[in-house]
Amino acid sequence: MTTLADLRKSYERAELNEDASHADPLKQFEQWLQEAIHAEVPEPNAMTLATVSSDLRPSTRVVLIKAYDERGIVWYTNYDSRKGQELAGNPYAALQFHWVELERVVRIEGVVKKVSETESDTYFHSRPLDSRIGAWASPQSQVISGRGVLVANAARYGAQFLLQPPRPPHWGGYRLKPERWEFWQGRKSRLHDRLRYGLQPLSDKGSQLWIRERLAP
């Protein structure tokens, strides 16, 4: 067996305290995301998306966050892909950002729904032409005989649509509405900081309140 037992580092860049963190997890996320962008972390918008199939088999892949607000986290993809099929059968999913250079991780769990067609159309038409053609050319997650299939499809759809490809009906956005957040900051001696935010119902108002808790590392 190959061992990697000696491959380790000490985390000493920063700390995460309750007094210095936001009561609203979305604001805490925005602060950390902007700090990752400012620090020039490679692809700070990359996040791992975890889904579970109808037979309870998990799968992960990296996608790019394209928007966020109080409604949730948005990304775009092929609805016919494996993740699209799994989300259709089980809308519960998890996201994870890992900003290695800042020794930080953000985890988000919640329910996923498709964004409106208007939102999908607006984003699709903002993409570069080759990316729009690519959305038509790739039968995502399907077995193909070789890369030549993709090249031929791209040429065919490029000639068909010229400069104005419409959004494919099988392509669009998803929005995860957070039900739980966790912020992880690496610390010395593996005594890392972990703050979890969960929703608590307010029965008298019919609304919900974020409750912040510290977890042991």
Protein backbone atom coordinates (compact mmCIF):
# COMPACT_ATOMS: atom_id res chain seq x y z
CA MET A 1 0.00 0.00 0.00
CA THR A 2 1.28 3.47 -0.86
CA THR A 3 1.27 5.66 2.24
CA LEU A 4 0.95 9.44 2.35
CA ALA A 5 1.10 9.64 6.14
CA ASP A 6 3.92 12.20 6.13
CA LEU A 7 2.20 14.53 3.66
CA ARG A 8 0.84 17.26 5.91
CA LYS A 9 0.99 20.99 6.59
CA SER A 10 0.27 23.27 9.51
CA TYR A 11 -2.60 25.75 9.13
CA GLU A 12 -1.74 29.09 10.68
CA ARG A 13 -2.99 31.82 8.34
CA ALA A 14 -6.13 33.01 10.13
CA GLU A 15 -8.85 32.29 12.67
CA LEU A 16 -12.65 32.27 12.67
CA ASN A 17 -14.34 33.60 15.79
CA GLU A 18 -18.02 34.07 16.57
CA ASP A 19 -17.52 37.74 17.46
CA ALA A 20 -15.86 38.52 14.14
CA SER A 21 -18.19 36.48 11.92
CA HIS A 22 -21.49 37.61 10.43
CA ALA A 23 -24.82 36.53 11.91
CA ASP A 24 -26.06 36.06 8.33
CA PRO A 25 -24.20 33.18 6.61
CA LEU A 26 -24.72 34.72 3.18
CA LYS A 27 -22.78 37.80 4.28
CA GLN A 28 -20.04 35.60 5.72
CA PHE A 29 -19.87 33.70 2.43
CA GLU A 30 -19.71 36.92 0.43
CA GLN A 31 -16.86 38.21 2.59
CA TRP A 32 -14.84 35.03 2.18
CA LEU A 33 -15.54 34.80 -1.55
CA GLN A 34 -14.40 38.38 -2.10
CA GLU A 35 -11.28 37.73 -0.04
CA ALA A 36 -10.54 34.67 -2.21
CA ILE A 37 -10.97 36.77 -5.35
CA HIS A 38 -8.77 39.56 -3.94
CA ALA A 39 -6.10 36.99 -2.99
CA GLU A 40 -6.15 35.74 -6.61
CA VAL A 41 -7.03 32.21 -5.59
CA PRO A 42 -7.25 30.17 -8.84
CA GLU A 43 -10.89 29.82 -9.89
CA PRO A 44 -12.40 31.01 -6.60
CA ASN A 45 -15.85 30.41 -8.12
CA ALA A 46 -15.25 26.65 -8.49
CA MET A 47 -17.33 24.46 -6.19
CA THR A 48 -17.90 20.74 -5.75
CA LEU A 49 -21.52 19.67 -6.23
CA ALA A 50 -22.61 16.45 -4.51
CA THR A 51 -25.81 14.66 -5.53
CA VAL A 52 -27.35 11.29 -4.69
CA SER A 53 -29.06 8.94 -7.15
CA SER A 54 -32.38 7.18 -6.62
CA ASP A 55 -30.45 4.05 -5.57
CA LEU A 56 -28.55 6.12 -2.96
CA ARG A 57 -25.22 6.27 -4.77
CA PRO A 58 -23.45 9.62 -4.29
CA SER A 59 -21.49 11.42 -6.99
CA THR A 60 -19.53 14.66 -7.16
CA ARG A 61 -18.26 17.03 -9.82
CA VAL A 62 -16.89 20.58 -9.99
CA VAL A 63 -19.17 23.33 -11.30
CA LEU A 64 -18.90 27.13 -11.30
CA ILE A 65 -21.07 29.44 -9.23
CA LYS A 66 -22.58 32.08 -11.52
CA ALA A 67 -24.77 34.09 -9.12
CA TYR A 68 -25.91 34.21 -5.52
CA ASP A 69 -28.34 36.16 -3.36
CA GLU A 70 -30.75 35.53 -0.52
CA ARG A 71 -32.61 33.04 -2.74
CA GLY A 72 -29.58 30.76 -3.10
CA ILE A 73 -26.54 29.68 -5.13
CA VAL A 74 -26.85 29.42 -8.94
CA TRP A 75 -24.97 27.37 -11.53
CA TYR A 76 -25.71 26.23 -15.09
CA THR A 77 -25.41 22.86 -16.76
CA ASN A 78 -26.97 20.23 -19.02
CA TYR A 79 -30.26 19.00 -17.54
CA ASP A 80 -29.74 15.59 -19.19
CA SER A 81 -26.39 15.03 -17.45
CA ARG A 82 -25.95 12.64 -14.55
CA LYS A 83 -26.28 15.46 -12.04
CA GLY A 84 -29.41 16.69 -13.78
CA GLN A 85 -30.99 13.25 -13.66
CA GLU A 86 -30.06 12.78 -10.01
CA LEU A 87 -31.43 16.18 -9.03
CA ALA A 88 -34.67 15.35 -10.83
CA GLY A 89 -35.06 12.29 -8.61
CA ASN A 90 -33.61 13.76 -5.40
CA PRO A 91 -33.45 17.57 -5.11
CA TYR A 92 -31.28 17.57 -1.97
CA ALA A 93 -27.65 18.42 -2.68
CA ALA A 94 -24.48 19.86 -1.14
CA LEU A 95 -21.88 22.34 -2.37
CA GLN A 96 -18.32 22.84 -1.20
CA PHE A 97 -15.80 25.60 -1.87
CA HIS A 98 -12.16 24.88 -0.99
CA TRP A 99 -9.85 27.87 -1.09
CA VAL A 100 -6.56 26.12 -0.38
CA GLU A 101 -4.43 29.26 -0.32
CA LEU A 102 -6.59 30.76 2.44
CA GLU A 103 -6.95 27.44 4.31
CA ARG A 104 -10.73 27.76 4.12
CA VAL A 105 -13.70 25.57 3.25
CA VAL A 106 -17.37 26.49 2.90
CA ARG A 107 -20.05 23.77 2.84
CA ILE A 108 -23.67 24.43 1.88
CA GLU A 109 -26.59 21.99 2.02
CA GLY A 110 -30.10 22.54 0.71
CA VAL A 111 -32.82 21.91 -1.84
CA VAL A 112 -32.26 22.49 -5.56
CA LYS A 113 -34.73 23.83 -8.12
CA LYS A 114 -34.34 24.99 -11.70
CA VAL A 115 -34.09 28.74 -12.23
CA SER A 116 -36.63 30.45 -14.48
CA GLU A 117 -36.30 30.13 -18.25
CA THR A 118 -35.76 33.89 -18.40
CA GLU A 119 -32.74 33.60 -16.08
CA SER A 120 -31.35 30.71 -18.12
CA ASP A 121 -31.88 32.58 -21.39
CA THR A 122 -30.20 35.73 -20.08
CA TYR A 123 -27.13 33.88 -18.87
CA PHE A 124 -26.89 31.64 -21.94
CA HIS A 125 -26.83 34.59 -24.32
CA SER A 126 -24.10 36.27 -22.26
CA ARG A 127 -21.73 33.36 -22.91
CA PRO A 128 -19.05 33.34 -25.64
CA LEU A 129 -20.24 31.93 -28.96
CA ASP A 130 -18.11 28.79 -28.75
CA SER A 131 -19.55 28.00 -25.31
CA ARG A 132 -23.09 28.38 -26.64
CA ILE A 133 -22.30 26.06 -29.54
CA GLY A 134 -20.69 23.64 -27.10
CA ALA A 135 -23.92 23.39 -25.12
CA TRP A 136 -25.54 21.95 -28.25
CA ALA A 137 -22.55 19.85 -29.32
CA SER A 138 -22.01 17.85 -26.12
CA PRO A 139 -24.46 15.07 -25.12
CA GLN A 140 -23.13 15.42 -21.58
CA SER A 141 -22.53 12.24 -19.57
CA GLN A 142 -23.36 10.00 -22.54
CA VAL A 143 -20.83 7.54 -23.98
CA ILE A 144 -19.36 8.70 -27.31
CA SER A 145 -17.03 6.92 -29.72
CA GLY A 146 -14.36 9.62 -29.64
CA ARG A 147 -13.61 13.33 -29.52
CA GLY A 148 -14.38 13.51 -33.22
CA VAL A 149 -18.08 13.30 -32.32
CA LEU A 150 -17.83 16.56 -30.39
CA VAL A 151 -15.84 18.29 -33.13
CA ALA A 152 -18.33 17.20 -35.78
CA ASN A 153 -21.30 18.26 -33.66
CA ALA A 154 -19.75 21.67 -33.00
CA ALA A 155 -19.15 22.21 -36.71
CA ARG A 156 -22.69 21.13 -37.57
CA TYR A 157 -24.40 23.33 -34.99
CA GLY A 158 -22.07 26.22 -35.76
CA ALA A 159 -23.13 26.10 -39.40
CA GLN A 160 -26.79 25.66 -38.47
CA PHE A 161 -27.05 28.54 -36.01
CA LEU A 162 -24.28 30.82 -37.33
CA LEU A 163 -23.94 33.59 -34.71
CA GLN A 164 -27.30 33.18 -32.96
CA PRO A 165 -27.65 29.76 -31.31
CA PRO A 166 -30.75 29.58 -29.08
CA ARG A 167 -30.54 28.08 -25.62
CA PRO A 168 -30.96 24.29 -25.84
CA PRO A 169 -34.10 23.07 -24.06
CA HIS A 170 -31.93 20.61 -22.11
CA TRP A 171 -29.60 23.32 -20.76
CA GLY A 172 -30.15 25.84 -17.99
CA GLY A 173 -29.65 26.86 -14.41
CA TYR A 174 -30.18 25.44 -10.95
CA ARG A 175 -30.49 27.24 -7.64
CA LEU A 176 -29.66 25.64 -4.29
CA LYS A 177 -31.58 27.25 -1.43
CA PRO A 178 -29.35 26.84 1.65
CA GLU A 179 -30.70 25.11 4.73
CA ARG A 180 -27.30 24.69 6.37
CA TRP A 181 -23.91 26.40 6.03
CA GLU A 182 -20.55 25.50 7.53
CA PHE A 183 -17.42 27.66 7.50
CA TRP A 184 -14.09 25.95 8.19
CA GLN A 185 -10.84 27.78 8.91
CA GLY A 186 -7.66 25.75 9.28
CA ARG A 187 -5.85 26.26 12.60
CA LYS A 188 -2.64 25.12 14.25
CA SER A 189 -2.44 21.63 15.85
CA ARG A 190 -5.51 20.54 13.85
CA LEU A 191 -7.74 22.50 16.26
CA HIS A 192 -9.61 24.02 13.35
CA ASP A 193 -12.44 26.54 13.60
CA ARG A 194 -15.86 25.34 12.42
CA LEU A 195 -18.98 27.49 12.51
CA ARG A 196 -22.28 25.97 11.40
CA TYR A 197 -25.43 27.92 10.57
CA GLY A 198 -28.81 26.18 10.63
CA LEU A 199 -32.36 27.45 10.15
CA GLN A 200 -34.70 27.61 13.13
CA PRO A 201 -38.42 28.21 12.45
CA LEU A 202 -40.11 31.18 14.12
CA SER A 203 -43.65 29.88 14.63
CA ASP A 204 -45.11 33.21 15.64
CA LYS A 205 -44.04 34.91 12.42
CA GLY A 206 -43.89 32.02 9.98
CA SER A 207 -40.28 32.96 9.18
CA GLN A 208 -36.90 31.44 9.98
CA LEU A 209 -33.80 32.53 11.85
CA TRP A 210 -30.18 31.47 11.32
CA ILE A 211 -28.65 29.87 14.42
CA ARG A 212 -24.84 29.83 14.59
CA GLU A 213 -23.02 27.05 16.45
CA ARG A 214 -19.38 26.06 16.90
CA LEU A 215 -18.48 22.48 16.03
CA ALA A 216 -15.49 20.53 17.30
CA PRO A 217 -12.93 19.91 14.54
